[in-house]
Amino acid sequence: MIVLYEEEILKKSKQLPDDLKKEVLKFIVRLLKKNENMNEKKKGFKFNWEGGLSELKNKFSSVELQHKVLE
């Protein structure tokens, strides 16, 4: 089925003038980026921020930190 899509895309794109071929290429690039972003989101959450406030854990409670965020 995928091969049919590829053949159809190639066949139809050959009928387009050059300026529209350029637009099609931009659209394909945009779709590839969108797909890449969707795949990254599927990988799950990243916790690279974890421990970022560890130096404050002895100074403040979690409730106190929540209040400070709101200030």
PDB file of N, CA and C in Angstrom:
ATOM      1  N   MET A   1       0.820  -1.203   0.000  1.00  0.00           N
ATOM      2  CA  MET A   1       0.000   0.000   0.000  1.00  0.00           C
ATOM      3  C   MET A   1       0.859   1.259   0.000  1.00  0.00           C
ATOM      4  N   ILE A   2       1.943   1.246   0.781  1.00  0.00           N
ATOM      5  CA  ILE A   2       2.828   2.412   0.854  1.00  0.00           C
ATOM      6  C   ILE A   2       3.437   2.709  -0.503  1.00  0.00           C
ATOM      7  N   VAL A   3       3.814   1.661  -1.219  1.00  0.00           N
ATOM      8  CA  VAL A   3       4.416   1.847  -2.542  1.00  0.00           C
ATOM      9  C   VAL A   3       3.431   2.553  -3.468  1.00  0.00           C
ATOM     10  N   LEU A   4       2.156   2.223  -3.358  1.00  0.00           N
ATOM     11  CA  LEU A   4       1.148   2.881  -4.186  1.00  0.00           C
ATOM     12  C   LEU A   4       1.100   4.376  -3.901  1.00  0.00           C
ATOM     13  N   TYR A   5       1.186   4.739  -2.623  1.00  0.00           N
ATOM     14  CA  TYR A   5       1.190   6.158  -2.268  1.00  0.00           C
ATOM     15  C   TYR A   5       2.421   6.857  -2.843  1.00  0.00           C
ATOM     16  N   GLU A   6       3.561   6.229  -2.693  1.00  0.00           N
ATOM     17  CA  GLU A   6       4.793   6.833  -3.193  1.00  0.00           C
ATOM     18  C   GLU A   6       4.734   7.035  -4.710  1.00  0.00           C
ATOM     19  N   GLU A   7       4.251   6.009  -5.411  1.00  0.00           N
ATOM     20  CA  GLU A   7       4.135   6.110  -6.870  1.00  0.00           C
ATOM     21  C   GLU A   7       3.161   7.213  -7.263  1.00  0.00           C
ATOM     22  N   GLU A   8       2.063   7.279  -6.547  1.00  0.00           N
ATOM     23  CA  GLU A   8       1.038   8.288  -6.854  1.00  0.00           C
ATOM     24  C   GLU A   8       1.565   9.694  -6.574  1.00  0.00           C
ATOM     25  N   ILE A   9       2.273   9.855  -5.480  1.00  0.00           N
ATOM     26  CA  ILE A   9       2.851  11.164  -5.148  1.00  0.00           C
ATOM     27  C   ILE A   9       3.854  11.581  -6.213  1.00  0.00           C
ATOM     28  N   LEU A  10       4.718  10.670  -6.608  1.00  0.00           N
ATOM     29  CA  LEU A  10       5.707  10.981  -7.640  1.00  0.00           C
ATOM     30  C   LEU A  10       5.038  11.315  -8.978  1.00  0.00           C
ATOM     31  N   LYS A  11       4.047  10.518  -9.345  1.00  0.00           N
ATOM     32  CA  LYS A  11       3.344  10.714 -10.619  1.00  0.00           C
ATOM     33  C   LYS A  11       2.675  12.090 -10.662  1.00  0.00           C
ATOM     34  N   LYS A  12       1.991  12.431  -9.593  1.00  0.00           N
ATOM     35  CA  LYS A  12       1.276  13.712  -9.572  1.00  0.00           C
ATOM     36  C   LYS A  12       2.233  14.894  -9.445  1.00  0.00           C
ATOM     37  N   SER A  13       3.306  14.713  -8.679  1.00  0.00           N
ATOM     38  CA  SER A  13       4.246  15.825  -8.515  1.00  0.00           C
ATOM     39  C   SER A  13       4.962  16.169  -9.822  1.00  0.00           C
ATOM     40  N   LYS A  14       5.132  15.211 -10.692  1.00  0.00           N
ATOM     41  CA  LYS A  14       5.776  15.472 -11.989  1.00  0.00           C
ATOM     42  C   LYS A  14       4.912  16.373 -12.873  1.00  0.00           C
ATOM     43  N   GLN A  15       3.623  16.416 -12.593  1.00  0.00           N
ATOM     44  CA  GLN A  15       2.707  17.235 -13.386  1.00  0.00           C
ATOM     45  C   GLN A  15       2.685  18.695 -12.926  1.00  0.00           C
ATOM     46  N   LEU A  16       3.294  18.970 -11.793  1.00  0.00           N
ATOM     47  CA  LEU A  16       3.251  20.322 -11.230  1.00  0.00           C
ATOM     48  C   LEU A  16       4.340  21.216 -11.809  1.00  0.00           C
ATOM     49  N   PRO A  17       4.065  22.511 -11.882  1.00  0.00           N
ATOM     50  CA  PRO A  17       5.128  23.442 -12.266  1.00  0.00           C
ATOM     51  C   PRO A  17       6.143  23.553 -11.118  1.00  0.00           C
ATOM     52  N   ASP A  18       7.327  24.049 -11.425  1.00  0.00           N
ATOM     53  CA  ASP A  18       8.416  24.094 -10.449  1.00  0.00           C
ATOM     54  C   ASP A  18       8.067  24.845  -9.167  1.00  0.00           C
ATOM     55  N   ASP A  19       7.343  25.945  -9.275  1.00  0.00           N
ATOM     56  CA  ASP A  19       7.029  26.707  -8.063  1.00  0.00           C
ATOM     57  C   ASP A  19       6.142  25.911  -7.112  1.00  0.00           C
ATOM     58  N   LEU A  20       5.232  25.106  -7.674  1.00  0.00           N
ATOM     59  CA  LEU A  20       4.380  24.275  -6.819  1.00  0.00           C
ATOM     60  C   LEU A  20       5.134  23.062  -6.279  1.00  0.00           C
ATOM     61  N   LYS A  21       6.097  22.570  -7.044  1.00  0.00           N
ATOM     62  CA  LYS A  21       6.938  21.476  -6.547  1.00  0.00           C
ATOM     63  C   LYS A  21       7.689  21.941  -5.299  1.00  0.00           C
ATOM     64  N   LYS A  22       8.102  23.199  -5.306  1.00  0.00           N
ATOM     65  CA  LYS A  22       8.804  23.761  -4.160  1.00  0.00           C
ATOM     66  C   LYS A  22       7.880  23.794  -2.939  1.00  0.00           C
ATOM     67  N   GLU A  23       6.623  24.159  -3.149  1.00  0.00           N
ATOM     68  CA  GLU A  23       5.646  24.175  -2.059  1.00  0.00           C
ATOM     69  C   GLU A  23       5.389  22.773  -1.519  1.00  0.00           C
ATOM     70  N   VAL A  24       5.318  21.808  -2.416  1.00  0.00           N
ATOM     71  CA  VAL A  24       5.109  20.422  -2.002  1.00  0.00           C
ATOM     72  C   VAL A  24       6.285  19.959  -1.135  1.00  0.00           C
ATOM     73  N   LEU A  25       7.479  20.306  -1.545  1.00  0.00           N
ATOM     74  CA  LEU A  25       8.665  19.929  -0.783  1.00  0.00           C
ATOM     75  C   LEU A  25       8.639  20.553   0.613  1.00  0.00           C
ATOM     76  N   LYS A  26       8.273  21.821   0.705  1.00  0.00           N
ATOM     77  CA  LYS A  26       8.170  22.492   2.003  1.00  0.00           C
ATOM     78  C   LYS A  26       7.123  21.799   2.876  1.00  0.00           C
ATOM     79  N   PHE A  27       6.025  21.409   2.264  1.00  0.00           N
ATOM     80  CA  PHE A  27       4.969  20.730   2.999  1.00  0.00           C
ATOM     81  C   PHE A  27       5.450  19.380   3.528  1.00  0.00           C
ATOM     82  N   ILE A  28       6.171  18.652   2.710  1.00  0.00           N
ATOM     83  CA  ILE A  28       6.701  17.352   3.125  1.00  0.00           C
ATOM     84  C   ILE A  28       7.674  17.520   4.285  1.00  0.00           C
ATOM     85  N   VAL A  29       8.530  18.526   4.199  1.00  0.00           N
ATOM     86  CA  VAL A  29       9.475  18.795   5.284  1.00  0.00           C
ATOM     87  C   VAL A  29       8.725  19.118   6.573  1.00  0.00           C
ATOM     88  N   ARG A  30       7.660  19.918   6.472  1.00  0.00           N
ATOM     89  CA  ARG A  30       6.843  20.267   7.633  1.00  0.00           C
ATOM     90  C   ARG A  30       6.204  19.010   8.244  1.00  0.00           C
ATOM     91  N   LEU A  31       5.713  18.113   7.387  1.00  0.00           N
ATOM     92  CA  LEU A  31       5.115  16.873   7.874  1.00  0.00           C
ATOM     93  C   LEU A  31       6.148  15.985   8.565  1.00  0.00           C
ATOM     94  N   LEU A  32       7.356  15.952   8.016  1.00  0.00           N
ATOM     95  CA  LEU A  32       8.417  15.157   8.637  1.00  0.00           C
ATOM     96  C   LEU A  32       8.770  15.688  10.020  1.00  0.00           C
ATOM     97  N   LYS A  33       8.828  17.019  10.154  1.00  0.00           N
ATOM     98  CA  LYS A  33       9.111  17.618  11.463  1.00  0.00           C
ATOM     99  C   LYS A  33       7.984  17.329  12.442  1.00  0.00           C
ATOM    100  N   LYS A  34       6.750  17.424  11.956  1.00  0.00           N
ATOM    101  CA  LYS A  34       5.585  17.132  12.803  1.00  0.00           C
ATOM    102  C   LYS A  34       5.633  15.689  13.281  1.00  0.00           C
ATOM    103  N   ASN A  35       5.948  14.778  12.389  1.00  0.00           N
ATOM    104  CA  ASN A  35       6.052  13.366  12.730  1.00  0.00           C
ATOM    105  C   ASN A  35       7.171  13.134  13.739  1.00  0.00           C
ATOM    106  N   GLU A  36       8.279  13.814  13.552  1.00  0.00           N
ATOM    107  CA  GLU A  36       9.405  13.693  14.484  1.00  0.00           C
ATOM    108  C   GLU A  36       9.002  14.174  15.875  1.00  0.00           C
ATOM    109  N   ASN A  37       8.300  15.291  15.934  1.00  0.00           N
ATOM    110  CA  ASN A  37       7.831  15.822  17.218  1.00  0.00           C
ATOM    111  C   ASN A  37       6.856  14.872  17.887  1.00  0.00           C
ATOM    112  N   MET A  38       5.984  14.266  17.109  1.00  0.00           N
ATOM    113  CA  MET A  38       5.012  13.319  17.676  1.00  0.00           C
ATOM    114  C   MET A  38       5.731  12.093  18.234  1.00  0.00           C
ATOM    115  N   ASN A  39       6.764  11.640  17.540  1.00  0.00           N
ATOM    116  CA  ASN A  39       7.516  10.478  18.015  1.00  0.00           C
ATOM    117  C   ASN A  39       8.250  10.803  19.307  1.00  0.00           C
ATOM    118  N   GLU A  40       8.763  12.023  19.421  1.00  0.00           N
ATOM    119  CA  GLU A  40       9.443  12.432  20.654  1.00  0.00           C
ATOM    120  C   GLU A  40       8.468  12.476  21.817  1.00  0.00           C
ATOM    121  N   LYS A  41       7.251  12.935  21.575  1.00  0.00           N
ATOM    122  CA  LYS A  41       6.250  13.012  22.635  1.00  0.00           C
ATOM    123  C   LYS A  41       5.847  11.616  23.099  1.00  0.00           C
ATOM    124  N   LYS A  42       5.850  10.656  22.199  1.00  0.00           N
ATOM    125  CA  LYS A  42       5.461   9.294  22.552  1.00  0.00           C
ATOM    126  C   LYS A  42       6.483   8.627  23.461  1.00  0.00           C
ATOM    127  N   LYS A  43       7.703   9.126  23.465  1.00  0.00           N
ATOM    128  CA  LYS A  43       8.752   8.514  24.264  1.00  0.00           C
ATOM    129  C   LYS A  43       8.521   8.712  25.758  1.00  0.00           C
ATOM    130  N   GLY A  44       7.685   9.643  26.113  1.00  0.00           N
ATOM    131  CA  GLY A  44       7.381   9.868  27.521  1.00  0.00           C
ATOM    132  C   GLY A  44       8.027  11.137  28.037  1.00  0.00           C
ATOM    133  N   PHE A  45       7.836  11.345  29.302  1.00  0.00           N
ATOM    134  CA  PHE A  45       8.337  12.553  29.931  1.00  0.00           C
ATOM    135  C   PHE A  45       9.840  12.451  30.170  1.00  0.00           C
ATOM    136  N   LYS A  46      10.485  13.590  30.089  1.00  0.00           N
ATOM    137  CA  LYS A  46      11.902  13.666  30.435  1.00  0.00           C
ATOM    138  C   LYS A  46      11.999  14.326  31.801  1.00  0.00           C
ATOM    139  N   PHE A  47      12.824  13.798  32.644  1.00  0.00           N
ATOM    140  CA  PHE A  47      12.983  14.331  33.988  1.00  0.00           C
ATOM    141  C   PHE A  47      14.385  14.904  34.182  1.00  0.00           C
ATOM    142  N   ASN A  48      14.893  15.585  33.136  1.00  0.00           N
ATOM    143  CA  ASN A  48      16.230  16.156  33.236  1.00  0.00           C
ATOM    144  C   ASN A  48      16.290  17.326  34.207  1.00  0.00           C
ATOM    145  N   TRP A  49      15.151  17.808  34.648  1.00  0.00           N
ATOM    146  CA  TRP A  49      15.084  18.884  35.636  1.00  0.00           C
ATOM    147  C   TRP A  49      15.112  18.341  37.059  1.00  0.00           C
ATOM    148  N   GLU A  50      14.979  17.033  37.200  1.00  0.00           N
ATOM    149  CA  GLU A  50      14.874  16.413  38.518  1.00  0.00           C
ATOM    150  C   GLU A  50      16.084  16.751  39.380  1.00  0.00           C
ATOM    151  N   GLY A  51      15.836  17.155  40.599  1.00  0.00           N
ATOM    152  CA  GLY A  51      16.909  17.501  41.524  1.00  0.00           C
ATOM    153  C   GLY A  51      17.392  18.925  41.381  1.00  0.00           C
ATOM    154  N   GLY A  52      16.736  19.694  40.538  1.00  0.00           N
ATOM    155  CA  GLY A  52      17.156  21.073  40.281  1.00  0.00           C
ATOM    156  C   GLY A  52      17.062  21.982  41.495  1.00  0.00           C
ATOM    157  N   LEU A  53      16.228  21.637  42.439  1.00  0.00           N
ATOM    158  CA  LEU A  53      16.072  22.446  43.652  1.00  0.00           C
ATOM    159  C   LEU A  53      16.571  21.703  44.894  1.00  0.00           C
ATOM    160  N   SER A  54      17.404  20.709  44.689  1.00  0.00           N
ATOM    161  CA  SER A  54      17.834  19.878  45.815  1.00  0.00           C
ATOM    162  C   SER A  54      18.564  20.671  46.892  1.00  0.00           C
ATOM    163  N   GLU A  55      19.217  21.759  46.505  1.00  0.00           N
ATOM    164  CA  GLU A  55      19.934  22.554  47.505  1.00  0.00           C
ATOM    165  C   GLU A  55      18.972  23.280  48.448  1.00  0.00           C
ATOM    166  N   LEU A  56      17.696  23.368  48.067  1.00  0.00           N
ATOM    167  CA  LEU A  56      16.711  24.055  48.902  1.00  0.00           C
ATOM    168  C   LEU A  56      15.942  23.124  49.840  1.00  0.00           C
ATOM    169  N   LYS A  57      16.143  21.821  49.698  1.00  0.00           N
ATOM    170  CA  LYS A  57      15.313  20.888  50.461  1.00  0.00           C
ATOM    171  C   LYS A  57      15.518  20.986  51.972  1.00  0.00           C
ATOM    172  N   ASN A  58      16.678  21.421  52.412  1.00  0.00           N
ATOM    173  CA  ASN A  58      16.921  21.570  53.848  1.00  0.00           C
ATOM    174  C   ASN A  58      16.479  22.930  54.373  1.00  0.00           C
ATOM    175  N   LYS A  59      16.246  23.883  53.467  1.00  0.00           N
ATOM    176  CA  LYS A  59      15.875  25.240  53.866  1.00  0.00           C
ATOM    177  C   LYS A  59      14.361  25.452  53.906  1.00  0.00           C
ATOM    178  N   PHE A  60      13.636  24.770  53.000  1.00  0.00           N
ATOM    179  CA  PHE A  60      12.201  25.016  52.864  1.00  0.00           C
ATOM    180  C   PHE A  60      11.443  23.701  52.751  1.00  0.00           C
ATOM    181  N   SER A  61      10.198  23.721  53.205  1.00  0.00           N
ATOM    182  CA  SER A  61       9.327  22.559  52.983  1.00  0.00           C
ATOM    183  C   SER A  61       8.715  22.702  51.586  1.00  0.00           C
ATOM    184  N   SER A  62       8.101  21.648  51.103  1.00  0.00           N
ATOM    185  CA  SER A  62       7.476  21.709  49.779  1.00  0.00           C
ATOM    186  C   SER A  62       6.352  22.749  49.750  1.00  0.00           C
ATOM    187  N   VAL A  63       5.631  22.871  50.853  1.00  0.00           N
ATOM    188  CA  VAL A  63       4.547  23.859  50.929  1.00  0.00           C
ATOM    189  C   VAL A  63       5.124  25.271  50.859  1.00  0.00           C
ATOM    190  N   GLU A  64       6.223  25.506  51.569  1.00  0.00           N
ATOM    191  CA  GLU A  64       6.864  26.830  51.533  1.00  0.00           C
ATOM    192  C   GLU A  64       7.353  27.160  50.123  1.00  0.00           C
ATOM    193  N   LEU A  65       7.889  26.176  49.431  1.00  0.00           N
ATOM    194  CA  LEU A  65       8.337  26.397  48.049  1.00  0.00           C
ATOM    195  C   LEU A  65       7.156  26.727  47.141  1.00  0.00           C
ATOM    196  N   GLN A  66       6.022  26.064  47.355  1.00  0.00           N
ATOM    197  CA  GLN A  66       4.836  26.374  46.557  1.00  0.00           C
ATOM    198  C   GLN A  66       4.396  27.808  46.773  1.00  0.00           C
ATOM    199  N   HIS A  67       4.461  28.283  48.013  1.00  0.00           N
ATOM    200  CA  HIS A  67       4.100  29.663  48.317  1.00  0.00           C
ATOM    201  C   HIS A  67       5.071  30.646  47.671  1.00  0.00           C
ATOM    202  N   LYS A  68       6.345  30.298  47.655  1.00  0.00           N
ATOM    203  CA  LYS A  68       7.348  31.177  47.046  1.00  0.00           C
ATOM    204  C   LYS A  68       7.129  31.278  45.538  1.00  0.00           C
ATOM    205  N   VAL A  69       6.704  30.186  44.920  1.00  0.00           N
ATOM    206  CA  VAL A  69       6.432  30.216  43.477  1.00  0.00           C
ATOM    207  C   VAL A  69       5.318  31.207  43.167  1.00  0.00           C
ATOM    208  N   LEU A  70       4.353  31.294  44.038  1.00  0.00           N
ATOM    209  CA  LEU A  70       3.216  32.175  43.824  1.00  0.00           C
ATOM    210  C   LEU A  70       3.534  33.652  44.090  1.00  0.00           C
ATOM    211  N   GLU A  71       4.662  33.908  44.770  1.00  0.00           N
ATOM    212  CA  GLU A  71       5.036  35.292  45.082  1.00  0.00           C
ATOM    213  C   GLU A  71       5.483  36.045  43.836  1.00  0.00           C
TER     214      GLU A  71
END
